[in-house]
Amino acid sequence: MSVLGPVGAALAVFVFATIAFVAIRSASDAIAGVGETAPERTPFLGGHEPEVHAWSRFHARYYVMALLFLAFDMEMVFMYPWAVVFVREGGIALAEMGMFITILLVGVLYAWRERALRWA
């Protein structure tokens, strides 16, 4: 057990993190504005003037594509631990992953039928 105890250790970590944050933020602010002209400080497009406002609206299709990406990205979150379990469980794990992939395939086919995957 530490000399400070759990509350003291947590407080020490909090104080250290706060000091580190302030130091890094101060160094960043000191370095950031050196030698930049007004066009170089624009937020995007590599120094060119923005053509649209940053808060402009996007087509709903972009949100559907983002949700589909997240859904199929979650597939990989479940496949990595499955690879470890597969070595131990064998055929049962293979059957369960087959059902999981089948459900995902049904989702892809539905999205394809609804033309959610078409960009234009």
C-alpha atoms as a PDB file:
ATOM      1  CA  MET A   1       0.000   0.000   0.000  1.00  0.00           C
ATOM      2  CA  SER A   2       1.233   3.477  -0.742  1.00  0.00           C
ATOM      3  CA  VAL A   3       2.122   6.042   1.888  1.00  0.00           C
ATOM      4  CA  LEU A   4      -0.558   8.425   0.632  1.00  0.00           C
ATOM      5  CA  GLY A   5      -3.373   5.917   0.492  1.00  0.00           C
ATOM      6  CA  PRO A   6      -5.786   5.536  -2.438  1.00  0.00           C
ATOM      7  CA  VAL A   7      -7.317   9.006  -2.105  1.00  0.00           C
ATOM      8  CA  GLY A   8      -3.930  10.672  -1.840  1.00  0.00           C
ATOM      9  CA  ALA A   9      -2.608   8.731  -4.814  1.00  0.00           C
ATOM     10  CA  ALA A  10      -5.624   9.751  -6.909  1.00  0.00           C
ATOM     11  CA  LEU A  11      -5.141  13.368  -5.832  1.00  0.00           C
ATOM     12  CA  ALA A  12      -1.440  13.220  -6.725  1.00  0.00           C
ATOM     13  CA  VAL A  13      -2.254  11.844 -10.186  1.00  0.00           C
ATOM     14  CA  PHE A  14      -4.869  14.566 -10.686  1.00  0.00           C
ATOM     15  CA  VAL A  15      -2.428  17.317  -9.668  1.00  0.00           C
ATOM     16  CA  PHE A  16       0.305  15.908 -11.917  1.00  0.00           C
ATOM     17  CA  ALA A  17      -2.097  15.619 -14.872  1.00  0.00           C
ATOM     18  CA  THR A  18      -3.281  19.197 -14.355  1.00  0.00           C
ATOM     19  CA  ILE A  19       0.289  20.522 -14.241  1.00  0.00           C
ATOM     20  CA  ALA A  20       1.213  18.522 -17.356  1.00  0.00           C
ATOM     21  CA  PHE A  21      -1.858  19.812 -19.197  1.00  0.00           C
ATOM     22  CA  VAL A  22      -1.129  23.430 -18.343  1.00  0.00           C
ATOM     23  CA  ALA A  23       2.544  23.069 -19.342  1.00  0.00           C
ATOM     24  CA  ILE A  24       1.770  21.397 -22.675  1.00  0.00           C
ATOM     25  CA  ARG A  25      -1.014  23.872 -23.457  1.00  0.00           C
ATOM     26  CA  SER A  26       1.233  26.835 -22.656  1.00  0.00           C
ATOM     27  CA  ALA A  27       4.025  25.473 -24.854  1.00  0.00           C
ATOM     28  CA  SER A  28       1.561  24.870 -27.685  1.00  0.00           C
ATOM     29  CA  ASP A  29       0.158  28.392 -27.453  1.00  0.00           C
ATOM     30  CA  ALA A  30       3.678  29.839 -27.424  1.00  0.00           C
ATOM     31  CA  ILE A  31       4.734  27.910 -30.542  1.00  0.00           C
ATOM     32  CA  ALA A  32       1.482  27.996 -32.542  1.00  0.00           C
ATOM     33  CA  GLY A  33       1.314  31.618 -33.671  1.00  0.00           C
ATOM     34  CA  VAL A  34       4.905  32.054 -34.822  1.00  0.00           C
ATOM     35  CA  GLY A  35       5.206  33.303 -38.414  1.00  0.00           C
ATOM     36  CA  GLU A  36       1.704  32.500 -39.666  1.00  0.00           C
ATOM     37  CA  THR A  37      -0.147  34.840 -41.985  1.00  0.00           C
ATOM     38  CA  ALA A  38      -3.920  35.233 -42.002  1.00  0.00           C
ATOM     39  CA  PRO A  39      -4.546  32.737 -44.855  1.00  0.00           C
ATOM     40  CA  GLU A  40      -2.386  30.143 -43.130  1.00  0.00           C
ATOM     41  CA  ARG A  41      -4.578  30.349 -40.055  1.00  0.00           C
ATOM     42  CA  THR A  42      -7.712  29.262 -41.923  1.00  0.00           C
ATOM     43  CA  PRO A  43      -9.088  26.096 -40.382  1.00  0.00           C
ATOM     44  CA  PHE A  44      -8.985  23.820 -43.432  1.00  0.00           C
ATOM     45  CA  LEU A  45      -8.144  23.482 -47.136  1.00  0.00           C
ATOM     46  CA  GLY A  46      -4.423  24.046 -46.642  1.00  0.00           C
ATOM     47  CA  GLY A  47      -4.534  27.829 -46.500  1.00  0.00           C
ATOM     48  CA  HIS A  48      -7.127  28.431 -49.231  1.00  0.00           C
ATOM     49  CA  GLU A  49     -10.246  30.385 -48.482  1.00  0.00           C
ATOM     50  CA  PRO A  50     -13.120  28.078 -47.505  1.00  0.00           C
ATOM     51  CA  GLU A  51     -15.871  27.726 -50.098  1.00  0.00           C
ATOM     52  CA  VAL A  52     -18.569  26.676 -47.628  1.00  0.00           C
ATOM     53  CA  HIS A  53     -19.186  27.430 -43.997  1.00  0.00           C
ATOM     54  CA  ALA A  54     -17.994  24.834 -41.496  1.00  0.00           C
ATOM     55  CA  TRP A  55     -21.520  24.493 -40.089  1.00  0.00           C
ATOM     56  CA  SER A  56     -23.137  23.843 -43.463  1.00  0.00           C
ATOM     57  CA  ARG A  57     -25.570  20.961 -43.764  1.00  0.00           C
ATOM     58  CA  PHE A  58     -24.667  17.632 -45.274  1.00  0.00           C
ATOM     59  CA  HIS A  59     -26.888  15.295 -47.213  1.00  0.00           C
ATOM     60  CA  ALA A  60     -28.510  12.579 -45.098  1.00  0.00           C
ATOM     61  CA  ARG A  61     -26.716   9.953 -47.206  1.00  0.00           C
ATOM     62  CA  TYR A  62     -23.448  10.833 -45.467  1.00  0.00           C
ATOM     63  CA  TYR A  63     -24.966   9.998 -42.101  1.00  0.00           C
ATOM     64  CA  VAL A  64     -26.286   6.666 -43.396  1.00  0.00           C
ATOM     65  CA  MET A  65     -22.824   5.801 -44.715  1.00  0.00           C
ATOM     66  CA  ALA A  66     -21.285   6.725 -41.356  1.00  0.00           C
ATOM     67  CA  LEU A  67     -23.761   4.519 -39.489  1.00  0.00           C
ATOM     68  CA  LEU A  68     -23.123   1.626 -41.859  1.00  0.00           C
ATOM     69  CA  PHE A  69     -19.384   2.050 -41.372  1.00  0.00           C
ATOM     70  CA  LEU A  70     -19.786   1.973 -37.601  1.00  0.00           C
ATOM     71  CA  ALA A  71     -22.015  -1.089 -37.762  1.00  0.00           C
ATOM     72  CA  PHE A  72     -19.526  -3.066 -39.819  1.00  0.00           C
ATOM     73  CA  ASP A  73     -16.590  -1.715 -37.857  1.00  0.00           C
ATOM     74  CA  MET A  74     -18.173  -3.248 -34.762  1.00  0.00           C
ATOM     75  CA  GLU A  75     -18.008  -6.575 -36.568  1.00  0.00           C
ATOM     76  CA  MET A  76     -14.233  -6.489 -36.235  1.00  0.00           C
ATOM     77  CA  VAL A  77     -14.505  -5.721 -32.518  1.00  0.00           C
ATOM     78  CA  PHE A  78     -16.279  -9.055 -32.098  1.00  0.00           C
ATOM     79  CA  MET A  79     -14.075 -11.011 -34.506  1.00  0.00           C
ATOM     80  CA  TYR A  80     -10.759 -10.421 -32.747  1.00  0.00           C
ATOM     81  CA  PRO A  81     -11.789 -12.009 -29.424  1.00  0.00           C
ATOM     82  CA  TRP A  82     -13.604 -14.718 -31.364  1.00  0.00           C
ATOM     83  CA  ALA A  83     -10.313 -15.791 -32.927  1.00  0.00           C
ATOM     84  CA  VAL A  84      -8.941 -16.483 -29.443  1.00  0.00           C
ATOM     85  CA  VAL A  85     -12.062 -18.356 -28.349  1.00  0.00           C
ATOM     86  CA  PHE A  86     -12.139 -20.355 -31.583  1.00  0.00           C
ATOM     87  CA  VAL A  87      -8.916 -22.129 -30.667  1.00  0.00           C
ATOM     88  CA  ARG A  88     -10.488 -23.343 -27.422  1.00  0.00           C
ATOM     89  CA  GLU A  89     -14.105 -23.965 -28.494  1.00  0.00           C
ATOM     90  CA  GLY A  90     -13.724 -25.213 -32.076  1.00  0.00           C
ATOM     91  CA  GLY A  91     -16.895 -25.997 -34.028  1.00  0.00           C
ATOM     92  CA  ILE A  92     -19.344 -24.301 -31.661  1.00  0.00           C
ATOM     93  CA  ALA A  93     -17.509 -20.987 -32.009  1.00  0.00           C
ATOM     94  CA  LEU A  94     -17.413 -21.445 -35.783  1.00  0.00           C
ATOM     95  CA  ALA A  95     -21.195 -21.975 -35.890  1.00  0.00           C
ATOM     96  CA  GLU A  96     -21.822 -18.910 -33.715  1.00  0.00           C
ATOM     97  CA  MET A  97     -19.605 -16.716 -35.898  1.00  0.00           C
ATOM     98  CA  GLY A  98     -21.374 -18.078 -38.957  1.00  0.00           C
ATOM     99  CA  MET A  99     -24.711 -16.934 -37.513  1.00  0.00           C
ATOM    100  CA  PHE A 100     -23.225 -13.531 -36.648  1.00  0.00           C
ATOM    101  CA  ILE A 101     -21.848 -13.029 -40.147  1.00  0.00           C
ATOM    102  CA  THR A 102     -25.146 -14.204 -41.659  1.00  0.00           C
ATOM    103  CA  ILE A 103     -27.023 -11.542 -39.674  1.00  0.00           C
ATOM    104  CA  LEU A 104     -24.543  -8.914 -40.859  1.00  0.00           C
ATOM    105  CA  LEU A 105     -24.906 -10.157 -44.442  1.00  0.00           C
ATOM    106  CA  VAL A 106     -28.678  -9.770 -44.209  1.00  0.00           C
ATOM    107  CA  GLY A 107     -28.071  -6.169 -43.082  1.00  0.00           C
ATOM    108  CA  VAL A 108     -25.753  -5.530 -46.038  1.00  0.00           C
ATOM    109  CA  LEU A 109     -28.254  -7.004 -48.479  1.00  0.00           C
ATOM    110  CA  TYR A 110     -31.039  -4.863 -46.987  1.00  0.00           C
ATOM    111  CA  ALA A 111     -28.878  -1.718 -47.252  1.00  0.00           C
ATOM    112  CA  TRP A 112     -27.997  -2.666 -50.817  1.00  0.00           C
ATOM    113  CA  ARG A 113     -31.656  -3.220 -51.726  1.00  0.00           C
ATOM    114  CA  GLU A 114     -32.604   0.145 -50.202  1.00  0.00           C
ATOM    115  CA  ARG A 115     -29.754   1.733 -52.207  1.00  0.00           C
ATOM    116  CA  ALA A 116     -28.107   3.052 -49.038  1.00  0.00           C
ATOM    117  CA  LEU A 117     -24.705   2.094 -50.444  1.00  0.00           C
ATOM    118  CA  ARG A 118     -25.051   4.197 -53.613  1.00  0.00           C
ATOM    119  CA  TRP A 119     -23.063   7.376 -53.341  1.00  0.00           C
ATOM    120  CA  ALA A 120     -24.667   9.365 -56.155  1.00  0.00           C
END
